[in-house]
């Protein structure tokens, strides 16, 4: 004799999970929308949180140009850290918004803005590609 309990399929996260929280949803949506925009602005205005010099393993707060004889500096890590902090701060602010206002944020921006950011990022990196092609 076989006794099997009839399981009801779950269609969503359990009500007590973080994914079911409206505050977490507002944070994730705002972080995802603001991330690409903030990254493009941080890169354009060149505001890294820090600059890494890989040849000497030095990390300097803010921007520092490459030094003669030490090789190139790396700004990407600093740009990414700046972007994460600003996008997280915007997400935390968005968590405080009432649900009726947060529902007005179009979710399509979560995928549209990263796609729109790609051409800018590709174009902004072109000097490195041209430099590498002439070597």
C-alpha atoms as a PDB file:
ATOM      1  CA  UNK A   1       0.000   0.000   0.000  1.00  0.00           C
ATOM      2  CA  UNK A   2       1.402   3.331  -1.032  1.00  0.00           C
ATOM      3  CA  UNK A   3       0.701   6.500   0.841  1.00  0.00           C
ATOM      4  CA  UNK A   4       1.730   9.671  -0.895  1.00  0.00           C
ATOM      5  CA  UNK A   5       0.743  13.077   0.203  1.00  0.00           C
ATOM      6  CA  UNK A   6      -0.674  15.245  -2.514  1.00  0.00           C
ATOM      7  CA  UNK A   7       1.706  18.154  -2.823  1.00  0.00           C
ATOM      8  CA  UNK A   8       0.372  21.478  -3.897  1.00  0.00           C
ATOM      9  CA  UNK A   9       2.733  23.208  -6.285  1.00  0.00           C
ATOM     10  CA  UNK A  10       4.136  26.501  -5.134  1.00  0.00           C
ATOM     11  CA  UNK A  11       3.796  29.330  -7.585  1.00  0.00           C
ATOM     12  CA  UNK A  12       5.936  31.906  -5.799  1.00  0.00           C
ATOM     13  CA  UNK A  13       8.326  32.414  -2.943  1.00  0.00           C
ATOM     14  CA  UNK A  14       7.159  31.651   0.574  1.00  0.00           C
ATOM     15  CA  UNK A  15       5.529  34.677   2.212  1.00  0.00           C
ATOM     16  CA  UNK A  16       8.303  35.019   4.772  1.00  0.00           C
ATOM     17  CA  UNK A  17      11.166  35.034   2.262  1.00  0.00           C
ATOM     18  CA  UNK A  18      13.197  38.078   1.347  1.00  0.00           C
ATOM     19  CA  UNK A  19      12.109  37.766  -2.294  1.00  0.00           C
ATOM     20  CA  UNK A  20       8.481  38.279  -1.240  1.00  0.00           C
ATOM     21  CA  UNK A  21       9.322  41.530   0.561  1.00  0.00           C
ATOM     22  CA  UNK A  22       8.095  44.645  -1.244  1.00  0.00           C
ATOM     23  CA  UNK A  23      11.015  46.637   0.192  1.00  0.00           C
ATOM     24  CA  UNK A  24      13.515  44.184  -1.301  1.00  0.00           C
ATOM     25  CA  UNK A  25      11.718  44.361  -4.647  1.00  0.00           C
ATOM     26  CA  UNK A  26      11.956  48.157  -4.614  1.00  0.00           C
ATOM     27  CA  UNK A  27      15.669  47.960  -3.752  1.00  0.00           C
ATOM     28  CA  UNK A  28      16.468  45.456  -6.494  1.00  0.00           C
ATOM     29  CA  UNK A  29      14.463  47.304  -9.132  1.00  0.00           C
ATOM     30  CA  UNK A  30      16.035  50.664  -8.316  1.00  0.00           C
ATOM     31  CA  UNK A  31      19.540  49.189  -8.064  1.00  0.00           C
ATOM     32  CA  UNK A  32      19.116  47.472 -11.439  1.00  0.00           C
ATOM     33  CA  UNK A  33      17.777  50.578 -13.136  1.00  0.00           C
ATOM     34  CA  UNK A  34      20.250  53.058 -11.652  1.00  0.00           C
ATOM     35  CA  UNK A  35      23.351  50.848 -11.961  1.00  0.00           C
ATOM     36  CA  UNK A  36      24.003  51.262 -15.706  1.00  0.00           C
ATOM     37  CA  UNK A  37      23.199  54.983 -15.634  1.00  0.00           C
ATOM     38  CA  UNK A  38      25.438  55.608 -12.626  1.00  0.00           C
ATOM     39  CA  UNK A  39      28.263  53.539 -14.163  1.00  0.00           C
ATOM     40  CA  UNK A  40      28.178  55.569 -17.387  1.00  0.00           C
ATOM     41  CA  UNK A  41      28.234  58.834 -15.424  1.00  0.00           C
ATOM     42  CA  UNK A  42      31.030  57.656 -13.127  1.00  0.00           C
ATOM     43  CA  UNK A  43      33.092  56.560 -16.111  1.00  0.00           C
ATOM     44  CA  UNK A  44      32.386  59.741 -18.086  1.00  0.00           C
ATOM     45  CA  UNK A  45      33.330  62.075 -15.225  1.00  0.00           C
ATOM     46  CA  UNK A  46      36.108  59.681 -14.108  1.00  0.00           C
ATOM     47  CA  UNK A  47      35.152  59.355 -10.447  1.00  0.00           C
ATOM     48  CA  UNK A  48      36.697  56.100  -9.245  1.00  0.00           C
ATOM     49  CA  UNK A  49      36.494  55.356  -5.536  1.00  0.00           C
ATOM     50  CA  UNK A  50      40.108  54.238  -5.810  1.00  0.00           C
ATOM     51  CA  UNK A  51      42.819  53.659  -8.422  1.00  0.00           C
ATOM     52  CA  UNK A  52      44.769  50.404  -8.598  1.00  0.00           C
ATOM     53  CA  UNK A  53      48.340  50.310  -9.876  1.00  0.00           C
ATOM     54  CA  UNK A  54      48.930  46.607 -10.714  1.00  0.00           C
ATOM     55  CA  UNK A  55      52.676  46.847 -11.391  1.00  0.00           C
ATOM     56  CA  UNK A  56      53.352  48.069  -7.859  1.00  0.00           C
ATOM     57  CA  UNK A  57      50.231  46.626  -6.170  1.00  0.00           C
ATOM     58  CA  UNK A  58      49.297  50.088  -4.901  1.00  0.00           C
ATOM     59  CA  UNK A  59      45.753  51.239  -4.218  1.00  0.00           C
ATOM     60  CA  UNK A  60      45.134  54.982  -3.941  1.00  0.00           C
ATOM     61  CA  UNK A  61      41.869  56.665  -2.899  1.00  0.00           C
ATOM     62  CA  UNK A  62      40.248  58.546  -5.769  1.00  0.00           C
ATOM     63  CA  UNK A  63      41.897  59.101  -9.132  1.00  0.00           C
ATOM     64  CA  UNK A  64      45.624  58.991  -9.680  1.00  0.00           C
ATOM     65  CA  UNK A  65      47.236  59.084 -13.105  1.00  0.00           C
ATOM     66  CA  UNK A  66      49.669  56.402 -14.169  1.00  0.00           C
ATOM     67  CA  UNK A  67      53.227  57.082 -13.058  1.00  0.00           C
ATOM     68  CA  UNK A  68      56.170  56.953 -15.400  1.00  0.00           C
ATOM     69  CA  UNK A  69      57.892  53.571 -15.293  1.00  0.00           C
ATOM     70  CA  UNK A  70      55.107  51.926 -13.252  1.00  0.00           C
ATOM     71  CA  UNK A  71      52.831  50.855 -16.067  1.00  0.00           C
ATOM     72  CA  UNK A  72      49.160  51.701 -16.503  1.00  0.00           C
ATOM     73  CA  UNK A  73      46.665  52.336 -13.759  1.00  0.00           C
ATOM     74  CA  UNK A  74      43.376  50.444 -13.493  1.00  0.00           C
ATOM     75  CA  UNK A  75      40.257  52.507 -12.939  1.00  0.00           C
ATOM     76  CA  UNK A  76      37.596  49.879 -13.609  1.00  0.00           C
ATOM     77  CA  UNK A  77      37.641  48.526 -10.047  1.00  0.00           C
ATOM     78  CA  UNK A  78      37.172  52.025  -8.635  1.00  0.00           C
ATOM     79  CA  UNK A  79      34.396  52.848 -11.118  1.00  0.00           C
ATOM     80  CA  UNK A  80      32.601  49.617 -10.213  1.00  0.00           C
ATOM     81  CA  UNK A  81      32.915  50.234  -6.465  1.00  0.00           C
ATOM     82  CA  UNK A  82      31.612  53.792  -6.863  1.00  0.00           C
ATOM     83  CA  UNK A  83      28.692  52.520  -8.945  1.00  0.00           C
ATOM     84  CA  UNK A  84      27.784  49.827  -6.410  1.00  0.00           C
ATOM     85  CA  UNK A  85      27.785  52.300  -3.507  1.00  0.00           C
ATOM     86  CA  UNK A  86      25.695  54.928  -5.318  1.00  0.00           C
ATOM     87  CA  UNK A  87      23.218  52.412  -6.782  1.00  0.00           C
ATOM     88  CA  UNK A  88      22.864  50.752  -3.355  1.00  0.00           C
ATOM     89  CA  UNK A  89      22.212  54.142  -1.730  1.00  0.00           C
ATOM     90  CA  UNK A  90      19.533  54.885  -4.339  1.00  0.00           C
ATOM     91  CA  UNK A  91      18.043  51.425  -3.717  1.00  0.00           C
ATOM     92  CA  UNK A  92      17.910  52.065   0.030  1.00  0.00           C
ATOM     93  CA  UNK A  93      16.195  55.401  -0.576  1.00  0.00           C
ATOM     94  CA  UNK A  94      13.710  53.656  -2.891  1.00  0.00           C
ATOM     95  CA  UNK A  95      12.892  51.153  -0.137  1.00  0.00           C
ATOM     96  CA  UNK A  96      11.370  54.049   1.786  1.00  0.00           C
ATOM     97  CA  UNK A  97       8.999  54.966  -1.038  1.00  0.00           C
ATOM     98  CA  UNK A  98       5.350  54.072  -0.600  1.00  0.00           C
ATOM     99  CA  UNK A  99       4.216  51.076  -2.660  1.00  0.00           C
ATOM    100  CA  UNK A 100       1.833  53.207  -4.730  1.00  0.00           C
ATOM    101  CA  UNK A 101       4.777  55.321  -5.980  1.00  0.00           C
ATOM    102  CA  UNK A 102       7.142  52.384  -6.437  1.00  0.00           C
ATOM    103  CA  UNK A 103       4.593  50.572  -8.618  1.00  0.00           C
ATOM    104  CA  UNK A 104       4.827  53.431 -11.127  1.00  0.00           C
ATOM    105  CA  UNK A 105       8.484  52.599 -11.926  1.00  0.00           C
ATOM    106  CA  UNK A 106       8.436  50.785 -15.286  1.00  0.00           C
ATOM    107  CA  UNK A 107      10.090  47.384 -14.901  1.00  0.00           C
ATOM    108  CA  UNK A 108      11.098  47.418 -18.555  1.00  0.00           C
ATOM    109  CA  UNK A 109      13.866  49.871 -17.598  1.00  0.00           C
ATOM    110  CA  UNK A 110      15.617  46.988 -15.825  1.00  0.00           C
ATOM    111  CA  UNK A 111      16.633  45.552 -19.212  1.00  0.00           C
ATOM    112  CA  UNK A 112      16.364  48.622 -21.476  1.00  0.00           C
ATOM    113  CA  UNK A 113      18.948  50.791 -19.668  1.00  0.00           C
ATOM    114  CA  UNK A 114      21.743  48.163 -19.642  1.00  0.00           C
ATOM    115  CA  UNK A 115      21.200  47.589 -23.364  1.00  0.00           C
ATOM    116  CA  UNK A 116      21.343  51.344 -23.998  1.00  0.00           C
ATOM    117  CA  UNK A 117      24.527  51.617 -21.908  1.00  0.00           C
ATOM    118  CA  UNK A 118      26.432  49.049 -23.999  1.00  0.00           C
ATOM    119  CA  UNK A 119      27.126  51.315 -27.019  1.00  0.00           C
ATOM    120  CA  UNK A 120      28.418  54.088 -24.762  1.00  0.00           C
ATOM    121  CA  UNK A 121      30.724  51.737 -22.854  1.00  0.00           C
ATOM    122  CA  UNK A 122      32.013  50.186 -26.088  1.00  0.00           C
ATOM    123  CA  UNK A 123      32.655  53.638 -27.572  1.00  0.00           C
ATOM    124  CA  UNK A 124      34.344  54.912 -24.409  1.00  0.00           C
ATOM    125  CA  UNK A 125      36.766  51.966 -24.448  1.00  0.00           C
ATOM    126  CA  UNK A 126      37.715  52.520 -28.092  1.00  0.00           C
ATOM    127  CA  UNK A 127      40.979  54.395 -27.297  1.00  0.00           C
ATOM    128  CA  UNK A 128      42.338  51.269 -25.584  1.00  0.00           C
ATOM    129  CA  UNK A 129      41.413  49.109 -28.566  1.00  0.00           C
ATOM    130  CA  UNK A 130      43.034  51.527 -31.000  1.00  0.00           C
ATOM    131  CA  UNK A 131      46.162  51.694 -28.847  1.00  0.00           C
ATOM    132  CA  UNK A 132      46.341  47.892 -28.675  1.00  0.00           C
ATOM    133  CA  UNK A 133      45.856  47.590 -32.458  1.00  0.00           C
ATOM    134  CA  UNK A 134      48.844  49.886 -33.181  1.00  0.00           C
ATOM    135  CA  UNK A 135      51.291  47.872 -31.077  1.00  0.00           C
END
